[in-house]
Amino acid sequence: MEQGRNDVAIIIQPQQIPALTKNDIAAEIEFSKYVEKCRKHRLANIIENTSKDHAVILLRNLMGFAKDQKTNIQMVSGRLSPEVYDDLINDAKLVLDSGCSIEILTLCTEEDLDGNNFSDFVRGHKAGSVTALGTPDKEIAHFFLTGNAYRVEVDDTIKKAYASFNDKDGLIVGMLRKEFAELSTHGLGGERARDSRPVGAD
C-alpha cells in the first residue's frame, strides 16, 4: 500500500510560474498574491512551493479555503513541524470554530508530539483529531486535502510541494482521499497511538 512521493510528482504537471527567491521580500509578496488569486477564483492552476515560507502561505490559504467552502480537512504529516505549523494555529482555530473538522495523521510517534503546539491545539478542540502512526521512517507522501483542493509534498526536507485549489478531474484528490482512508484504517504497520478524542467528541 505504501506509495512514494515520486508517484505523485509524476501525475502532477506543474504550471510555469515566475521563479521566486526565498529571501526576496517582493517575490514572497508576489507568490502570496498569486496563491490568493488562485484561491479566490478557485483556479485549477498547479502551484509549486519550494520553501518553508511558501508552505505557510499555501497552508494558510488552504485553511481559509476550507473555512469559506465549509469543507473538512484531512492531513498526513511527518511531525507537524513547529517552524511551519506554529504560525497556523489561529488559522486552524478559524476552521474548527466554523464547524469544519481537522483530521491529522502523523508518521511520528506519540512521544514526538509531546509539546507540539499545533497538535495540542487541534486535539483540544472538539472538532479536531491527531493520530500518531508511529512509523517515522516510512516513505509516504505528506499532504493536505480539503474539498477539491490539495497540497502534496514531494520533498519534505526542502518543503517542495505542489498544490491546487481546484482539482477539476478529481484524479489527485481521489488518490489522496483513498490514501488517507487506507492510512486511517490500517496504518503502515507500526505501533499506532490513536488520539483518544475522536472528531466531534465533546
C-alpha atoms as a PDB file:
ATOM      1  CA  MET A   1       0.000   0.000   0.000  1.00  0.00           C
ATOM      2  CA  GLU A   2       2.954   2.255   0.554  1.00  0.00           C
ATOM      3  CA  GLN A   3       3.202   4.990  -2.041  1.00  0.00           C
ATOM      4  CA  GLY A   4       6.292   7.090  -2.656  1.00  0.00           C
ATOM      5  CA  ARG A   5       6.386  10.841  -3.160  1.00  0.00           C
ATOM      6  CA  ASN A   6       7.603  10.460  -6.751  1.00  0.00           C
ATOM      7  CA  ASP A   7       4.343   8.784  -7.785  1.00  0.00           C
ATOM      8  CA  VAL A   8       2.500  11.993  -7.009  1.00  0.00           C
ATOM      9  CA  ALA A   9       5.123  14.165  -8.704  1.00  0.00           C
ATOM     10  CA  ILE A  10       4.749  12.176 -11.930  1.00  0.00           C
ATOM     11  CA  ILE A  11       0.973  12.677 -12.004  1.00  0.00           C
ATOM     12  CA  ILE A  12       1.101  16.401 -11.290  1.00  0.00           C
ATOM     13  CA  GLN A  13       2.353  18.601 -14.113  1.00  0.00           C
ATOM     14  CA  PRO A  14       3.273  21.959 -12.529  1.00  0.00           C
ATOM     15  CA  GLN A  15       2.264  25.109 -14.306  1.00  0.00           C
ATOM     16  CA  GLN A  16       5.050  27.510 -15.156  1.00  0.00           C
ATOM     17  CA  ILE A  17       5.102  30.462 -12.757  1.00  0.00           C
ATOM     18  CA  PRO A  18       7.811  33.080 -12.215  1.00  0.00           C
ATOM     19  CA  ALA A  19      10.859  31.851 -10.310  1.00  0.00           C
ATOM     20  CA  LEU A  20      10.709  33.172  -6.753  1.00  0.00           C
ATOM     21  CA  THR A  21      13.643  33.644  -4.416  1.00  0.00           C
ATOM     22  CA  LYS A  22      13.047  32.708  -0.791  1.00  0.00           C
ATOM     23  CA  ASN A  23      14.833  35.739   0.636  1.00  0.00           C
ATOM     24  CA  ASP A  24      13.322  38.221  -1.803  1.00  0.00           C
ATOM     25  CA  ILE A  25      10.510  40.075   0.011  1.00  0.00           C
ATOM     26  CA  ALA A  26       8.992  41.288  -3.235  1.00  0.00           C
ATOM     27  CA  ALA A  27       8.908  37.741  -4.545  1.00  0.00           C
ATOM     28  CA  GLU A  28       7.177  36.495  -1.400  1.00  0.00           C
ATOM     29  CA  ILE A  29       4.502  39.159  -1.827  1.00  0.00           C
ATOM     30  CA  GLU A  30       4.114  38.147  -5.467  1.00  0.00           C
ATOM     31  CA  PHE A  31       3.768  34.487  -4.507  1.00  0.00           C
ATOM     32  CA  SER A  32       1.232  35.315  -1.795  1.00  0.00           C
ATOM     33  CA  LYS A  33      -0.895  37.359  -4.204  1.00  0.00           C
ATOM     34  CA  TYR A  34      -0.746  34.594  -6.791  1.00  0.00           C
ATOM     35  CA  VAL A  35      -1.923  31.998  -4.253  1.00  0.00           C
ATOM     36  CA  GLU A  36      -4.722  34.273  -3.024  1.00  0.00           C
ATOM     37  CA  LYS A  37      -5.875  34.782  -6.617  1.00  0.00           C
ATOM     38  CA  CYS A  38      -5.972  31.024  -7.221  1.00  0.00           C
ATOM     39  CA  ARG A  39      -7.949  30.554  -4.013  1.00  0.00           C
ATOM     40  CA  LYS A  40     -10.409  33.375  -4.659  1.00  0.00           C
ATOM     41  CA  HIS A  41     -11.210  32.257  -8.194  1.00  0.00           C
ATOM     42  CA  ARG A  42     -10.804  28.523  -7.498  1.00  0.00           C
ATOM     43  CA  LEU A  43      -8.320  28.258 -10.342  1.00  0.00           C
ATOM     44  CA  ALA A  44      -7.120  24.831 -11.430  1.00  0.00           C
ATOM     45  CA  ASN A  45      -3.537  26.080 -11.723  1.00  0.00           C
ATOM     46  CA  ILE A  46      -0.833  23.876 -10.214  1.00  0.00           C
ATOM     47  CA  ILE A  47       1.183  25.926  -7.723  1.00  0.00           C
ATOM     48  CA  GLU A  48       4.733  24.900  -6.890  1.00  0.00           C
ATOM     49  CA  ASN A  49       6.025  25.668  -3.399  1.00  0.00           C
ATOM     50  CA  THR A  50       9.750  25.367  -2.722  1.00  0.00           C
ATOM     51  CA  SER A  51      10.325  26.788   0.756  1.00  0.00           C
ATOM     52  CA  LYS A  52       9.026  26.869   4.304  1.00  0.00           C
ATOM     53  CA  ASP A  53       7.649  30.374   3.777  1.00  0.00           C
ATOM     54  CA  HIS A  54       5.746  29.260   0.688  1.00  0.00           C
ATOM     55  CA  ALA A  55       4.397  26.289   2.626  1.00  0.00           C
ATOM     56  CA  VAL A  56       2.967  28.584   5.313  1.00  0.00           C
ATOM     57  CA  ILE A  57       1.355  30.824   2.681  1.00  0.00           C
ATOM     58  CA  LEU A  58      -0.225  27.874   0.890  1.00  0.00           C
ATOM     59  CA  LEU A  59      -1.430  26.115   4.028  1.00  0.00           C
ATOM     60  CA  ARG A  60      -2.917  29.342   5.392  1.00  0.00           C
ATOM     61  CA  ASN A  61      -4.867  29.842   2.177  1.00  0.00           C
ATOM     62  CA  LEU A  62      -5.955  26.207   2.064  1.00  0.00           C
ATOM     63  CA  MET A  63      -7.297  26.534   5.608  1.00  0.00           C
ATOM     64  CA  GLY A  64      -9.083  29.713   4.577  1.00  0.00           C
ATOM     65  CA  PHE A  65     -10.496  27.846   1.598  1.00  0.00           C
ATOM     66  CA  ALA A  66     -11.787  25.110   3.917  1.00  0.00           C
ATOM     67  CA  LYS A  67     -13.478  27.669   6.150  1.00  0.00           C
ATOM     68  CA  ASP A  68     -15.030  29.533   3.211  1.00  0.00           C
ATOM     69  CA  GLN A  69     -16.215  26.391   1.414  1.00  0.00           C
ATOM     70  CA  LYS A  70     -17.298  24.622   4.631  1.00  0.00           C
ATOM     71  CA  THR A  71     -15.162  21.568   3.837  1.00  0.00           C
ATOM     72  CA  ASN A  72     -13.352  19.335   6.311  1.00  0.00           C
ATOM     73  CA  ILE A  73      -9.570  18.955   6.341  1.00  0.00           C
ATOM     74  CA  GLN A  74      -7.567  15.735   6.188  1.00  0.00           C
ATOM     75  CA  MET A  75      -3.794  15.830   6.583  1.00  0.00           C
ATOM     76  CA  VAL A  76      -0.826  13.482   6.598  1.00  0.00           C
ATOM     77  CA  SER A  77       2.329  14.979   8.117  1.00  0.00           C
ATOM     78  CA  GLY A  78       5.695  13.744   9.258  1.00  0.00           C
ATOM     79  CA  ARG A  79       5.812  15.528  12.614  1.00  0.00           C
ATOM     80  CA  LEU A  80       3.785  18.763  12.298  1.00  0.00           C
ATOM     81  CA  SER A  81       6.979  20.809  12.073  1.00  0.00           C
ATOM     82  CA  PRO A  82       6.730  23.746  14.543  1.00  0.00           C
ATOM     83  CA  GLU A  83       8.549  26.091  12.143  1.00  0.00           C
ATOM     84  CA  VAL A  84       5.576  25.718   9.810  1.00  0.00           C
ATOM     85  CA  TYR A  85       2.540  24.869  11.923  1.00  0.00           C
ATOM     86  CA  ASP A  86       3.082  27.164  14.909  1.00  0.00           C
ATOM     87  CA  ASP A  87       2.258  30.014  12.514  1.00  0.00           C
ATOM     88  CA  LEU A  88      -1.020  28.346  11.561  1.00  0.00           C
ATOM     89  CA  ILE A  89      -2.703  27.808  14.933  1.00  0.00           C
ATOM     90  CA  ASN A  90      -5.035  30.783  14.566  1.00  0.00           C
ATOM     91  CA  ASP A  91      -5.951  29.675  11.029  1.00  0.00           C
ATOM     92  CA  ALA A  92      -6.801  26.216  12.366  1.00  0.00           C
ATOM     93  CA  LYS A  93      -8.920  27.833  15.082  1.00  0.00           C
ATOM     94  CA  LEU A  94     -10.968  29.695  12.487  1.00  0.00           C
ATOM     95  CA  VAL A  95     -11.567  26.454  10.585  1.00  0.00           C
ATOM     96  CA  LEU A  96     -12.555  24.459  13.665  1.00  0.00           C
ATOM     97  CA  ASP A  97     -14.743  27.205  15.107  1.00  0.00           C
ATOM     98  CA  SER A  98     -16.604  27.410  11.777  1.00  0.00           C
ATOM     99  CA  GLY A  99     -17.837  23.852  12.269  1.00  0.00           C
ATOM    100  CA  CYS A 100     -15.372  22.096   9.978  1.00  0.00           C
ATOM    101  CA  SER A 101     -13.220  19.247  11.267  1.00  0.00           C
ATOM    102  CA  ILE A 102      -9.465  18.723  11.034  1.00  0.00           C
ATOM    103  CA  GLU A 103      -8.190  15.136  10.996  1.00  0.00           C
ATOM    104  CA  ILE A 104      -4.418  14.671  11.077  1.00  0.00           C
ATOM    105  CA  LEU A 105      -2.294  11.552  10.720  1.00  0.00           C
ATOM    106  CA  THR A 106       1.368  11.940  11.646  1.00  0.00           C
ATOM    107  CA  LEU A 107       4.078   9.425  10.828  1.00  0.00           C
ATOM    108  CA  CYS A 108       5.916  10.181  14.064  1.00  0.00           C
ATOM    109  CA  THR A 109       5.385   8.604  17.473  1.00  0.00           C
ATOM    110  CA  GLU A 110       3.192   9.930  20.262  1.00  0.00           C
ATOM    111  CA  GLU A 111       6.341  10.928  22.179  1.00  0.00           C
ATOM    112  CA  ASP A 112       7.478  13.027  19.206  1.00  0.00           C
ATOM    113  CA  LEU A 113       4.297  15.082  19.555  1.00  0.00           C
ATOM    114  CA  ASP A 114       4.966  15.991  23.207  1.00  0.00           C
ATOM    115  CA  GLY A 115       4.903  19.776  23.469  1.00  0.00           C
ATOM    116  CA  ASN A 116       3.823  20.247  19.836  1.00  0.00           C
ATOM    117  CA  ASN A 117       1.688  23.389  19.980  1.00  0.00           C
ATOM    118  CA  PHE A 118      -0.291  22.728  16.810  1.00  0.00           C
ATOM    119  CA  SER A 119      -1.067  19.134  17.754  1.00  0.00           C
ATOM    120  CA  ASP A 120      -2.082  20.144  21.277  1.00  0.00           C
ATOM    121  CA  PHE A 121      -4.389  22.842  19.942  1.00  0.00           C
ATOM    122  CA  VAL A 122      -6.131  20.623  17.377  1.00  0.00           C
ATOM    123  CA  ARG A 123      -6.547  17.816  19.902  1.00  0.00           C
ATOM    124  CA  GLY A 124      -8.004  20.233  22.404  1.00  0.00           C
ATOM    125  CA  HIS A 125     -10.852  21.202  20.069  1.00  0.00           C
ATOM    126  CA  LYS A 126     -13.955  19.028  19.847  1.00  0.00           C
ATOM    127  CA  ALA A 127     -13.733  19.016  16.028  1.00  0.00           C
ATOM    128  CA  GLY A 128     -10.033  18.114  15.897  1.00  0.00           C
ATOM    129  CA  SER A 129      -8.169  14.807  15.858  1.00  0.00           C
ATOM    130  CA  VAL A 130      -4.477  13.885  15.686  1.00  0.00           C
ATOM    131  CA  THR A 131      -3.273  10.294  15.311  1.00  0.00           C
ATOM    132  CA  ALA A 132       0.382   9.252  15.638  1.00  0.00           C
ATOM    133  CA  LEU A 133       1.048   6.299  13.336  1.00  0.00           C
ATOM    134  CA  GLY A 134       4.453   5.650  14.903  1.00  0.00           C
ATOM    135  CA  THR A 135       6.198   4.979  11.589  1.00  0.00           C
ATOM    136  CA  PRO A 136       8.639   7.907  11.181  1.00  0.00           C
ATOM    137  CA  ASP A 137      10.955   6.056   8.779  1.00  0.00           C
ATOM    138  CA  LYS A 138       8.277   5.206   6.237  1.00  0.00           C
ATOM    139  CA  GLU A 139       8.389   6.985   2.889  1.00  0.00           C
ATOM    140  CA  ILE A 140       4.865   8.192   2.330  1.00  0.00           C
ATOM    141  CA  ALA A 141       3.657  11.417   0.764  1.00  0.00           C
ATOM    142  CA  HIS A 142       2.691  14.198   3.164  1.00  0.00           C
ATOM    143  CA  PHE A 143      -0.433  16.016   2.040  1.00  0.00           C
ATOM    144  CA  PHE A 144      -3.263  18.408   2.901  1.00  0.00           C
ATOM    145  CA  LEU A 145      -6.734  17.791   1.488  1.00  0.00           C
ATOM    146  CA  THR A 146      -9.947  19.786   1.698  1.00  0.00           C
ATOM    147  CA  GLY A 147     -12.820  19.615  -0.766  1.00  0.00           C
ATOM    148  CA  ASN A 148     -11.246  19.535  -4.221  1.00  0.00           C
ATOM    149  CA  ALA A 149      -8.166  21.477  -3.094  1.00  0.00           C
ATOM    150  CA  TYR A 150      -4.883  19.896  -2.055  1.00  0.00           C
ATOM    151  CA  ARG A 151      -1.176  20.292  -1.330  1.00  0.00           C
ATOM    152  CA  VAL A 152       1.245  17.377  -1.740  1.00  0.00           C
ATOM    153  CA  GLU A 153       4.878  17.409  -0.605  1.00  0.00           C
ATOM    154  CA  VAL A 154       7.366  15.639  -2.843  1.00  0.00           C
ATOM    155  CA  ASP A 155      10.413  16.596  -0.737  1.00  0.00           C
ATOM    156  CA  ASP A 156       9.900  17.241   2.969  1.00  0.00           C
ATOM    157  CA  THR A 157      13.498  18.384   3.520  1.00  0.00           C
ATOM    158  CA  ILE A 158      13.230  21.436   1.279  1.00  0.00           C
ATOM    159  CA  LYS A 159       9.431  21.719   1.592  1.00  0.00           C
ATOM    160  CA  LYS A 160       8.936  21.217  -2.132  1.00  0.00           C
ATOM    161  CA  ALA A 161       5.273  20.650  -2.891  1.00  0.00           C
ATOM    162  CA  TYR A 162       2.532  21.072  -5.463  1.00  0.00           C
ATOM    163  CA  ALA A 163      -0.916  22.459  -4.733  1.00  0.00           C
ATOM    164  CA  SER A 164      -4.164  23.431  -6.402  1.00  0.00           C
ATOM    165  CA  PHE A 165      -7.463  24.956  -5.317  1.00  0.00           C
ATOM    166  CA  ASN A 166      -9.460  23.091  -7.970  1.00  0.00           C
ATOM    167  CA  ASP A 167      -8.643  19.531  -8.981  1.00  0.00           C
ATOM    168  CA  LYS A 168     -11.183  19.538 -11.798  1.00  0.00           C
ATOM    169  CA  ASP A 169     -10.935  15.912 -12.846  1.00  0.00           C
ATOM    170  CA  GLY A 170     -10.604  14.735  -9.248  1.00  0.00           C
ATOM    171  CA  LEU A 171      -7.620  12.498 -10.017  1.00  0.00           C
ATOM    172  CA  ILE A 172      -5.268  13.832  -7.340  1.00  0.00           C
ATOM    173  CA  VAL A 173      -7.965  14.437  -4.731  1.00  0.00           C
ATOM    174  CA  GLY A 174      -9.393  10.961  -5.273  1.00  0.00           C
ATOM    175  CA  MET A 175      -5.983   9.359  -4.875  1.00  0.00           C
ATOM    176  CA  LEU A 176      -5.234  11.326  -1.698  1.00  0.00           C
ATOM    177  CA  ARG A 177      -8.634  10.620  -0.175  1.00  0.00           C
ATOM    178  CA  LYS A 178      -8.135   6.896  -0.760  1.00  0.00           C
ATOM    179  CA  GLU A 179      -4.637   7.101   0.710  1.00  0.00           C
ATOM    180  CA  PHE A 180      -5.923   8.854   3.819  1.00  0.00           C
ATOM    181  CA  ALA A 181      -8.662   6.281   4.323  1.00  0.00           C
ATOM    182  CA  GLU A 182      -6.152   3.436   3.989  1.00  0.00           C
ATOM    183  CA  LEU A 183      -3.747   5.025   6.459  1.00  0.00           C
ATOM    184  CA  SER A 184      -6.516   5.877   8.891  1.00  0.00           C
ATOM    185  CA  THR A 185      -7.842   2.320   8.846  1.00  0.00           C
ATOM    186  CA  HIS A 186      -4.707   0.217   8.512  1.00  0.00           C
ATOM    187  CA  GLY A 187      -1.751   2.480   9.309  1.00  0.00           C
ATOM    188  CA  LEU A 188       1.664   1.484   7.957  1.00  0.00           C
ATOM    189  CA  GLY A 189       2.434  -1.500  10.127  1.00  0.00           C
ATOM    190  CA  GLY A 190       3.860   0.467  13.038  1.00  0.00           C
ATOM    191  CA  GLU A 191       2.545   0.901  16.565  1.00  0.00           C
ATOM    192  CA  ARG A 192      -0.333   3.350  16.325  1.00  0.00           C
ATOM    193  CA  ALA A 193      -1.250   5.766  19.069  1.00  0.00           C
ATOM    194  CA  ARG A 194      -4.835   6.683  18.272  1.00  0.00           C
ATOM    195  CA  ASP A 195      -5.950  10.055  19.570  1.00  0.00           C
ATOM    196  CA  SER A 196      -8.311   9.439  22.460  1.00  0.00           C
ATOM    197  CA  ARG A 197     -10.530  12.324  21.353  1.00  0.00           C
ATOM    198  CA  PRO A 198     -12.334  11.465  18.083  1.00  0.00           C
ATOM    199  CA  VAL A 199     -13.591  14.182  15.786  1.00  0.00           C
ATOM    200  CA  GLY A 200     -16.836  15.603  17.112  1.00  0.00           C
ATOM    201  CA  ALA A 201     -16.382  14.352  20.657  1.00  0.00           C
ATOM    202  CA  ASP A 202     -17.369  16.624  23.497  1.00  0.00           C
END
